[in-house]
C-alpha atoms as a PDB file:
ATOM      1  CA  UNK A   1     -28.329 -50.067  89.786  1.00  0.00           C
ATOM      2  CA  UNK A   2     -24.961 -49.484  87.849  1.00  0.00           C
ATOM      3  CA  UNK A   3     -23.186 -50.423  84.684  1.00  0.00           C
ATOM      4  CA  UNK A   4     -19.585 -49.789  83.306  1.00  0.00           C
ATOM      5  CA  UNK A   5     -18.491 -49.877  79.479  1.00  0.00           C
ATOM      6  CA  UNK A   6     -14.977 -50.039  78.736  1.00  0.00           C
ATOM      7  CA  UNK A   7     -13.702 -49.108  75.058  1.00  0.00           C
ATOM      8  CA  UNK A   8     -11.011 -47.403  72.840  1.00  0.00           C
ATOM      9  CA  UNK A   9     -11.356 -44.263  71.115  1.00  0.00           C
ATOM     10  CA  UNK A  10     -10.079 -44.758  67.395  1.00  0.00           C
ATOM     11  CA  UNK A  11      -8.916 -42.765  64.866  1.00  0.00           C
ATOM     12  CA  UNK A  12     -12.398 -42.944  63.151  1.00  0.00           C
ATOM     13  CA  UNK A  13     -13.762 -41.300  66.348  1.00  0.00           C
ATOM     14  CA  UNK A  14     -11.719 -38.215  66.127  1.00  0.00           C
ATOM     15  CA  UNK A  15     -13.865 -35.284  64.961  1.00  0.00           C
ATOM     16  CA  UNK A  16     -11.188 -32.435  65.186  1.00  0.00           C
ATOM     17  CA  UNK A  17      -7.679 -31.594  64.754  1.00  0.00           C
ATOM     18  CA  UNK A  18      -5.087 -33.386  66.814  1.00  0.00           C
ATOM     19  CA  UNK A  19      -7.232 -36.514  66.910  1.00  0.00           C
ATOM     20  CA  UNK A  20      -9.745 -34.714  69.402  1.00  0.00           C
ATOM     21  CA  UNK A  21     -12.933 -36.871  69.960  1.00  0.00           C
ATOM     22  CA  UNK A  22     -16.131 -34.765  69.614  1.00  0.00           C
ATOM     23  CA  UNK A  23     -18.115 -34.587  73.121  1.00  0.00           C
ATOM     24  CA  UNK A  24     -21.103 -35.918  71.011  1.00  0.00           C
ATOM     25  CA  UNK A  25     -19.288 -39.129  70.857  1.00  0.00           C
ATOM     26  CA  UNK A  26     -19.102 -39.330  74.701  1.00  0.00           C
ATOM     27  CA  UNK A  27     -23.099 -38.394  74.901  1.00  0.00           C
ATOM     28  CA  UNK A  28     -23.647 -41.363  72.337  1.00  0.00           C
ATOM     29  CA  UNK A  29     -21.939 -43.660  74.925  1.00  0.00           C
ATOM     30  CA  UNK A  30     -23.885 -42.541  78.004  1.00  0.00           C
ATOM     31  CA  UNK A  31     -26.968 -43.412  75.612  1.00  0.00           C
ATOM     32  CA  UNK A  32     -25.366 -47.086  75.477  1.00  0.00           C
ATOM     33  CA  UNK A  33     -24.790 -47.365  79.014  1.00  0.00           C
ATOM     34  CA  UNK A  34     -28.423 -45.985  79.592  1.00  0.00           C
ATOM     35  CA  UNK A  35     -29.866 -48.459  77.191  1.00  0.00           C
ATOM     36  CA  UNK A  36     -27.926 -51.468  79.240  1.00  0.00           C
ATOM     37  CA  UNK A  37     -29.292 -50.067  82.444  1.00  0.00           C
ATOM     38  CA  UNK A  38     -32.807 -49.605  81.141  1.00  0.00           C
ATOM     39  CA  UNK A  39     -32.687 -53.313  79.681  1.00  0.00           C
ATOM     40  CA  UNK A  40     -31.172 -54.610  83.154  1.00  0.00           C
ATOM     41  CA  UNK A  41     -33.951 -52.891  85.084  1.00  0.00           C
ATOM     42  CA  UNK A  42     -37.054 -52.835  82.963  1.00  0.00           C
ATOM     43  CA  UNK A  43     -36.344 -55.513  80.211  1.00  0.00           C
ATOM     44  CA  UNK A  44     -36.708 -52.632  77.729  1.00  0.00           C
ATOM     45  CA  UNK A  45     -34.591 -50.006  75.893  1.00  0.00           C
ATOM     46  CA  UNK A  46     -36.814 -47.297  76.900  1.00  0.00           C
ATOM     47  CA  UNK A  47     -36.191 -43.810  75.323  1.00  0.00           C
ATOM     48  CA  UNK A  48     -33.728 -40.961  76.489  1.00  0.00           C
ATOM     49  CA  UNK A  49     -35.645 -37.956  77.229  1.00  0.00           C
ATOM     50  CA  UNK A  50     -33.164 -35.338  78.335  1.00  0.00           C
ATOM     51  CA  UNK A  51     -29.978 -34.146  80.110  1.00  0.00           C
ATOM     52  CA  UNK A  52     -30.272 -31.699  82.810  1.00  0.00           C
ATOM     53  CA  UNK A  53     -26.560 -31.200  83.375  1.00  0.00           C
ATOM     54  CA  UNK A  54     -23.479 -31.904  81.162  1.00  0.00           C
ATOM     55  CA  UNK A  55     -19.723 -30.961  82.034  1.00  0.00           C
ATOM     56  CA  UNK A  56     -16.968 -31.532  79.580  1.00  0.00           C
ATOM     57  CA  UNK A  57     -14.039 -31.441  81.886  1.00  0.00           C
ATOM     58  CA  UNK A  58     -10.976 -32.770  80.091  1.00  0.00           C
ATOM     59  CA  UNK A  59     -10.517 -33.575  76.397  1.00  0.00           C
ATOM     60  CA  UNK A  60     -10.677 -37.122  74.853  1.00  0.00           C
ATOM     61  CA  UNK A  61      -8.358 -38.136  71.996  1.00  0.00           C
ATOM     62  CA  UNK A  62      -8.255 -41.102  69.555  1.00  0.00           C
ATOM     63  CA  UNK A  63      -6.050 -43.943  71.005  1.00  0.00           C
ATOM     64  CA  UNK A  64      -7.313 -43.366  74.824  1.00  0.00           C
ATOM     65  CA  UNK A  65      -9.150 -45.945  76.630  1.00  0.00           C
ATOM     66  CA  UNK A  66     -12.369 -44.755  78.469  1.00  0.00           C
ATOM     67  CA  UNK A  67     -14.749 -46.124  81.144  1.00  0.00           C
ATOM     68  CA  UNK A  68     -18.154 -45.084  80.852  1.00  0.00           C
ATOM     69  CA  UNK A  69     -20.112 -45.478  84.270  1.00  0.00           C
ATOM     70  CA  UNK A  70     -24.000 -44.979  84.572  1.00  0.00           C
ATOM     71  CA  UNK A  71     -26.186 -45.493  87.406  1.00  0.00           C
ATOM     72  CA  UNK A  72     -29.599 -44.955  88.077  1.00  0.00           C
ATOM     73  CA  UNK A  73     -30.214 -42.386  91.014  1.00  0.00           C
ATOM     74  CA  UNK A  74     -34.015 -41.976  91.034  1.00  0.00           C
ATOM     75  CA  UNK A  75     -36.851 -44.062  89.613  1.00  0.00           C
ATOM     76  CA  UNK A  76     -40.548 -42.995  88.847  1.00  0.00           C
ATOM     77  CA  UNK A  77     -43.211 -44.675  87.603  1.00  0.00           C
ATOM     78  CA  UNK A  78     -42.162 -44.295  83.875  1.00  0.00           C
ATOM     79  CA  UNK A  79     -38.777 -42.478  84.302  1.00  0.00           C
ATOM     80  CA  UNK A  80     -35.433 -43.253  85.391  1.00  0.00           C
ATOM     81  CA  UNK A  81     -33.030 -40.516  86.305  1.00  0.00           C
ATOM     82  CA  UNK A  82     -29.208 -41.489  85.649  1.00  0.00           C
ATOM     83  CA  UNK A  83     -25.761 -40.078  86.394  1.00  0.00           C
ATOM     84  CA  UNK A  84     -23.265 -40.653  83.940  1.00  0.00           C
ATOM     85  CA  UNK A  85     -19.383 -40.389  84.337  1.00  0.00           C
ATOM     86  CA  UNK A  86     -16.842 -40.695  81.553  1.00  0.00           C
ATOM     87  CA  UNK A  87     -12.843 -41.514  82.719  1.00  0.00           C
ATOM     88  CA  UNK A  88      -9.782 -41.879  80.891  1.00  0.00           C
ATOM     89  CA  UNK A  89      -7.745 -44.807  81.948  1.00  0.00           C
ATOM     90  CA  UNK A  90      -5.116 -45.507  79.334  1.00  0.00           C
ATOM     91  CA  UNK A  91      -3.463 -42.852  77.102  1.00  0.00           C
ATOM     92  CA  UNK A  92      -1.237 -43.262  74.139  1.00  0.00           C
ATOM     93  CA  UNK A  93       2.538 -42.291  74.620  1.00  0.00           C
ATOM     94  CA  UNK A  94       3.785 -41.614  70.967  1.00  0.00           C
ATOM     95  CA  UNK A  95       6.776 -40.074  72.703  1.00  0.00           C
ATOM     96  CA  UNK A  96       7.973 -43.452  73.312  1.00  0.00           C
ATOM     97  CA  UNK A  97       6.790 -45.279  70.194  1.00  0.00           C
ATOM     98  CA  UNK A  98       3.894 -45.643  67.836  1.00  0.00           C
ATOM     99  CA  UNK A  99       1.988 -48.321  70.171  1.00  0.00           C
ATOM    100  CA  UNK A 100       3.183 -47.308  73.498  1.00  0.00           C
ATOM    101  CA  UNK A 101       0.513 -46.665  76.154  1.00  0.00           C
ATOM    102  CA  UNK A 102       0.356 -45.556  79.908  1.00  0.00           C
ATOM    103  CA  UNK A 103      -2.134 -46.969  82.415  1.00  0.00           C
ATOM    104  CA  UNK A 104      -2.877 -43.857  84.349  1.00  0.00           C
ATOM    105  CA  UNK A 105      -2.200 -44.173  88.126  1.00  0.00           C
ATOM    106  CA  UNK A 106      -5.383 -41.863  88.622  1.00  0.00           C
ATOM    107  CA  UNK A 107      -8.146 -41.953  86.160  1.00  0.00           C
ATOM    108  CA  UNK A 108      -9.217 -38.694  84.887  1.00  0.00           C
ATOM    109  CA  UNK A 109     -12.712 -37.592  84.869  1.00  0.00           C
ATOM    110  CA  UNK A 110     -13.634 -36.069  81.232  1.00  0.00           C
ATOM    111  CA  UNK A 111     -17.407 -35.752  81.117  1.00  0.00           C
ATOM    112  CA  UNK A 112     -20.388 -35.897  83.727  1.00  0.00           C
ATOM    113  CA  UNK A 113     -23.944 -35.722  83.122  1.00  0.00           C
ATOM    114  CA  UNK A 114     -27.455 -36.337  84.803  1.00  0.00           C
ATOM    115  CA  UNK A 115     -30.086 -37.513  82.259  1.00  0.00           C
ATOM    116  CA  UNK A 116     -33.558 -38.806  82.452  1.00  0.00           C
ATOM    117  CA  UNK A 117     -35.123 -41.897  80.334  1.00  0.00           C
ATOM    118  CA  UNK A 118     -38.506 -43.025  79.911  1.00  0.00           C
ATOM    119  CA  UNK A 119     -40.043 -46.553  79.663  1.00  0.00           C
ATOM    120  CA  UNK A 120     -43.622 -46.908  79.150  1.00  0.00           C
ATOM    121  CA  UNK A 121     -45.451 -48.618  82.105  1.00  0.00           C
ATOM    122  CA  UNK A 122     -46.794 -51.378  79.770  1.00  0.00           C
ATOM    123  CA  UNK A 123     -43.170 -52.513  78.854  1.00  0.00           C
ATOM    124  CA  UNK A 124     -41.538 -52.524  82.134  1.00  0.00           C
ATOM    125  CA  UNK A 125     -40.474 -55.727  83.742  1.00  0.00           C
ATOM    126  CA  UNK A 126     -40.479 -54.340  87.159  1.00  0.00           C
ATOM    127  CA  UNK A 127     -43.318 -51.831  86.882  1.00  0.00           C
END
């Protein structure tokens, strides 16, 4: 099972100089994607338990459009192992104008992770 979230980072998402977005914001988006997957799979939001791997591969800036992909890659009796990826797909072009943007010919992988969520057996729709 897989889901995709698409959204734009705003200046309110920027945490550091140069409008750089904190990696924790991307992890929060991974959590949102995990919640959607668990609701679709089990009918319950479940709880995020742990990340076993997180790789920050490229910076994310305010004004960029992102695609967050999440997929259940293993399912235990109460656990769901998920793979997460964050791609930037549109970037601002302030060199052209304040509102100019460019759709990237190839999306850029910014963050990848593997995480595990727990859904108690008595709260699973598909137990």
